[in-house]
Amino acid sequence: MNNVLIEKILENKRNTIIEGNSLSGKTTNILFPILEDIIRNKESFFVLDCKGEYRSYNSMLSENGY
């Protein structure tokens, strides 16, 4: 995915809507990198994860004091 797009989303500091077809890479290519940046910066966040896609972040969250 285009890192410039991710950087622009992060710099914007506003609510963002990510829209696309199923299996188009929205979570993996956009949301996961944004979440990783949020965790590294120890910022607050809230995720509703009805599919369990974010479970892989449990250890990263623990390591960063969440």
N, C-alpha and C. Protein backbone atom coordinates (compact mmCIF):
# COMPACT_ATOMS: atom_id res chain seq x y z
N MET A 1 0.84 -1.19 0.00
CA MET A 1 0.00 0.00 0.00
C MET A 1 0.88 1.24 0.00
N ASN A 2 0.36 2.31 -0.45
CA ASN A 2 1.07 3.56 -0.57
C ASN A 2 1.29 4.20 0.80
N ASN A 3 2.56 4.27 1.24
CA ASN A 3 2.88 4.86 2.53
C ASN A 3 2.53 6.34 2.60
N VAL A 4 2.52 7.03 1.46
CA VAL A 4 2.16 8.44 1.43
C VAL A 4 0.70 8.60 1.86
N LEU A 5 -0.16 7.70 1.42
CA LEU A 5 -1.57 7.74 1.82
C LEU A 5 -1.71 7.56 3.32
N ILE A 6 -1.00 6.59 3.89
CA ILE A 6 -1.04 6.35 5.33
C ILE A 6 -0.56 7.59 6.08
N GLU A 7 0.53 8.19 5.63
CA GLU A 7 1.07 9.39 6.28
C GLU A 7 0.06 10.54 6.23
N LYS A 8 -0.61 10.72 5.11
CA LYS A 8 -1.61 11.79 5.00
C LYS A 8 -2.78 11.56 5.95
N ILE A 9 -3.21 10.31 6.08
CA ILE A 9 -4.29 9.99 7.00
C ILE A 9 -3.86 10.30 8.43
N LEU A 10 -2.65 9.91 8.80
CA LEU A 10 -2.15 10.14 10.16
C LEU A 10 -1.95 11.63 10.44
N GLU A 11 -1.49 12.39 9.47
CA GLU A 11 -1.27 13.83 9.65
C GLU A 11 -2.59 14.59 9.78
N ASN A 12 -3.64 14.08 9.17
CA ASN A 12 -4.93 14.76 9.15
C ASN A 12 -5.53 14.89 10.55
N LYS A 13 -5.34 13.89 11.40
CA LYS A 13 -5.86 13.89 12.79
C LYS A 13 -7.37 14.14 12.84
N ARG A 14 -8.08 13.59 11.89
CA ARG A 14 -9.54 13.69 11.86
C ARG A 14 -10.12 12.32 11.64
N ASN A 15 -11.42 12.22 11.83
CA ASN A 15 -12.09 10.96 11.55
C ASN A 15 -11.95 10.65 10.06
N THR A 16 -11.77 9.38 9.77
CA THR A 16 -11.57 8.95 8.38
C THR A 16 -12.46 7.76 8.09
N ILE A 17 -13.06 7.75 6.94
CA ILE A 17 -13.87 6.62 6.50
C ILE A 17 -13.09 5.89 5.42
N ILE A 18 -12.91 4.58 5.62
CA ILE A 18 -12.23 3.75 4.63
C ILE A 18 -13.30 2.88 3.99
N GLU A 19 -13.49 3.03 2.69
CA GLU A 19 -14.54 2.31 1.99
C GLU A 19 -13.92 1.47 0.88
N GLY A 20 -14.45 0.26 0.71
CA GLY A 20 -13.97 -0.59 -0.38
C GLY A 20 -14.68 -1.92 -0.36
N ASN A 21 -14.48 -2.69 -1.38
CA ASN A 21 -15.10 -4.01 -1.48
C ASN A 21 -14.52 -4.96 -0.44
N SER A 22 -15.25 -6.03 -0.15
CA SER A 22 -14.73 -7.08 0.71
C SER A 22 -13.45 -7.64 0.12
N LEU A 23 -12.50 -7.94 1.00
CA LEU A 23 -11.20 -8.51 0.62
C LEU A 23 -10.36 -7.59 -0.27
N SER A 24 -10.60 -6.27 -0.18
CA SER A 24 -9.81 -5.33 -0.99
C SER A 24 -8.55 -4.85 -0.27
N GLY A 25 -8.37 -5.25 1.00
CA GLY A 25 -7.16 -4.89 1.73
C GLY A 25 -7.30 -3.70 2.66
N LYS A 26 -8.52 -3.28 2.94
CA LYS A 26 -8.73 -2.11 3.80
C LYS A 26 -8.10 -2.30 5.18
N THR A 27 -8.38 -3.42 5.81
CA THR A 27 -7.88 -3.67 7.16
C THR A 27 -6.38 -3.87 7.16
N THR A 28 -5.90 -4.76 6.33
CA THR A 28 -4.48 -5.12 6.31
C THR A 28 -3.59 -3.96 5.86
N ASN A 29 -3.98 -3.25 4.83
CA ASN A 29 -3.11 -2.25 4.22
C ASN A 29 -3.31 -0.83 4.73
N ILE A 30 -4.44 -0.56 5.37
CA ILE A 30 -4.69 0.80 5.86
C ILE A 30 -4.88 0.81 7.37
N LEU A 31 -5.82 0.05 7.87
CA LEU A 31 -6.14 0.13 9.29
C LEU A 31 -5.05 -0.44 10.19
N PHE A 32 -4.45 -1.57 9.84
CA PHE A 32 -3.39 -2.14 10.67
C PHE A 32 -2.19 -1.19 10.78
N PRO A 33 -1.69 -0.62 9.68
CA PRO A 33 -0.57 0.33 9.83
C PRO A 33 -0.93 1.56 10.67
N ILE A 34 -2.15 2.04 10.56
CA ILE A 34 -2.58 3.17 11.37
C ILE A 34 -2.61 2.77 12.84
N LEU A 35 -3.16 1.60 13.14
CA LEU A 35 -3.21 1.12 14.52
C LEU A 35 -1.81 0.95 15.09
N GLU A 36 -0.89 0.41 14.31
CA GLU A 36 0.49 0.24 14.77
C GLU A 36 1.13 1.57 15.12
N ASP A 37 0.86 2.60 14.32
CA ASP A 37 1.39 3.93 14.59
C ASP A 37 0.77 4.49 15.88
N ILE A 38 -0.52 4.29 16.06
CA ILE A 38 -1.20 4.76 17.27
C ILE A 38 -0.60 4.10 18.51
N ILE A 39 -0.37 2.80 18.44
CA ILE A 39 0.20 2.07 19.57
C ILE A 39 1.62 2.55 19.86
N ARG A 40 2.44 2.71 18.83
CA ARG A 40 3.81 3.20 19.02
C ARG A 40 3.84 4.57 19.69
N ASN A 41 2.87 5.42 19.35
CA ASN A 41 2.80 6.77 19.92
C ASN A 41 2.02 6.82 21.24
N LYS A 42 1.57 5.65 21.71
CA LYS A 42 0.84 5.53 22.98
C LYS A 42 -0.38 6.45 23.03
N GLU A 43 -1.08 6.53 21.91
CA GLU A 43 -2.30 7.33 21.83
C GLU A 43 -3.50 6.48 22.21
N SER A 44 -4.59 7.13 22.52
CA SER A 44 -5.83 6.43 22.85
C SER A 44 -6.54 6.00 21.57
N PHE A 45 -7.24 4.88 21.65
CA PHE A 45 -8.01 4.41 20.51
C PHE A 45 -9.08 3.45 20.99
N PHE A 46 -10.04 3.21 20.13
CA PHE A 46 -11.15 2.30 20.42
C PHE A 46 -11.44 1.53 19.14
N VAL A 47 -11.49 0.21 19.24
CA VAL A 47 -11.76 -0.63 18.08
C VAL A 47 -12.89 -1.59 18.41
N LEU A 48 -13.89 -1.65 17.58
CA LEU A 48 -14.91 -2.69 17.65
C LEU A 48 -14.50 -3.76 16.65
N ASP A 49 -14.24 -4.95 17.16
CA ASP A 49 -13.68 -6.01 16.31
C ASP A 49 -14.58 -7.23 16.32
N CYS A 50 -15.65 -7.18 15.58
CA CYS A 50 -16.62 -8.29 15.58
C CYS A 50 -16.09 -9.52 14.83
N LYS A 51 -15.07 -9.35 14.00
CA LYS A 51 -14.51 -10.48 13.25
C LYS A 51 -13.28 -11.09 13.93
N GLY A 52 -12.73 -10.43 14.95
CA GLY A 52 -11.54 -10.93 15.63
C GLY A 52 -10.25 -10.68 14.86
N GLU A 53 -10.26 -9.73 13.94
CA GLU A 53 -9.08 -9.47 13.11
C GLU A 53 -7.94 -8.80 13.87
N TYR A 54 -8.23 -8.20 14.99
CA TYR A 54 -7.21 -7.44 15.72
C TYR A 54 -6.61 -8.23 16.89
N ARG A 55 -6.98 -9.48 17.05
CA ARG A 55 -6.44 -10.30 18.14
C ARG A 55 -4.93 -10.43 18.07
N SER A 56 -4.38 -10.36 16.89
CA SER A 56 -2.93 -10.49 16.73
C SER A 56 -2.17 -9.34 17.40
N TYR A 57 -2.87 -8.30 17.79
CA TYR A 57 -2.24 -7.15 18.43
C TYR A 57 -2.22 -7.25 19.96
N ASN A 58 -2.75 -8.32 20.52
CA ASN A 58 -2.80 -8.45 21.98
C ASN A 58 -1.43 -8.34 22.62
N SER A 59 -0.43 -9.03 22.09
CA SER A 59 0.91 -8.97 22.69
C SER A 59 1.53 -7.59 22.52
N MET A 60 1.35 -6.96 21.37
CA MET A 60 1.88 -5.62 21.14
C MET A 60 1.25 -4.62 22.11
N LEU A 61 -0.04 -4.78 22.35
CA LEU A 61 -0.74 -3.91 23.29
C LEU A 61 -0.20 -4.09 24.70
N SER A 62 -0.01 -5.33 25.12
CA SER A 62 0.52 -5.62 26.45
C SER A 62 1.92 -5.04 26.61
N GLU A 63 2.77 -5.21 25.59
CA GLU A 63 4.14 -4.71 25.64
C GLU A 63 4.20 -3.19 25.74
N ASN A 64 3.17 -2.51 25.25
CA ASN A 64 3.14 -1.06 25.26
C ASN A 64 2.26 -0.47 26.36
N GLY A 65 1.89 -1.31 27.33
CA GLY A 65 1.18 -0.81 28.50
C GLY A 65 -0.30 -0.54 28.32
N TYR A 66 -0.92 -1.15 27.35
CA TYR A 66 -2.37 -0.96 27.17
C TYR A 66 -3.12 -2.00 27.97
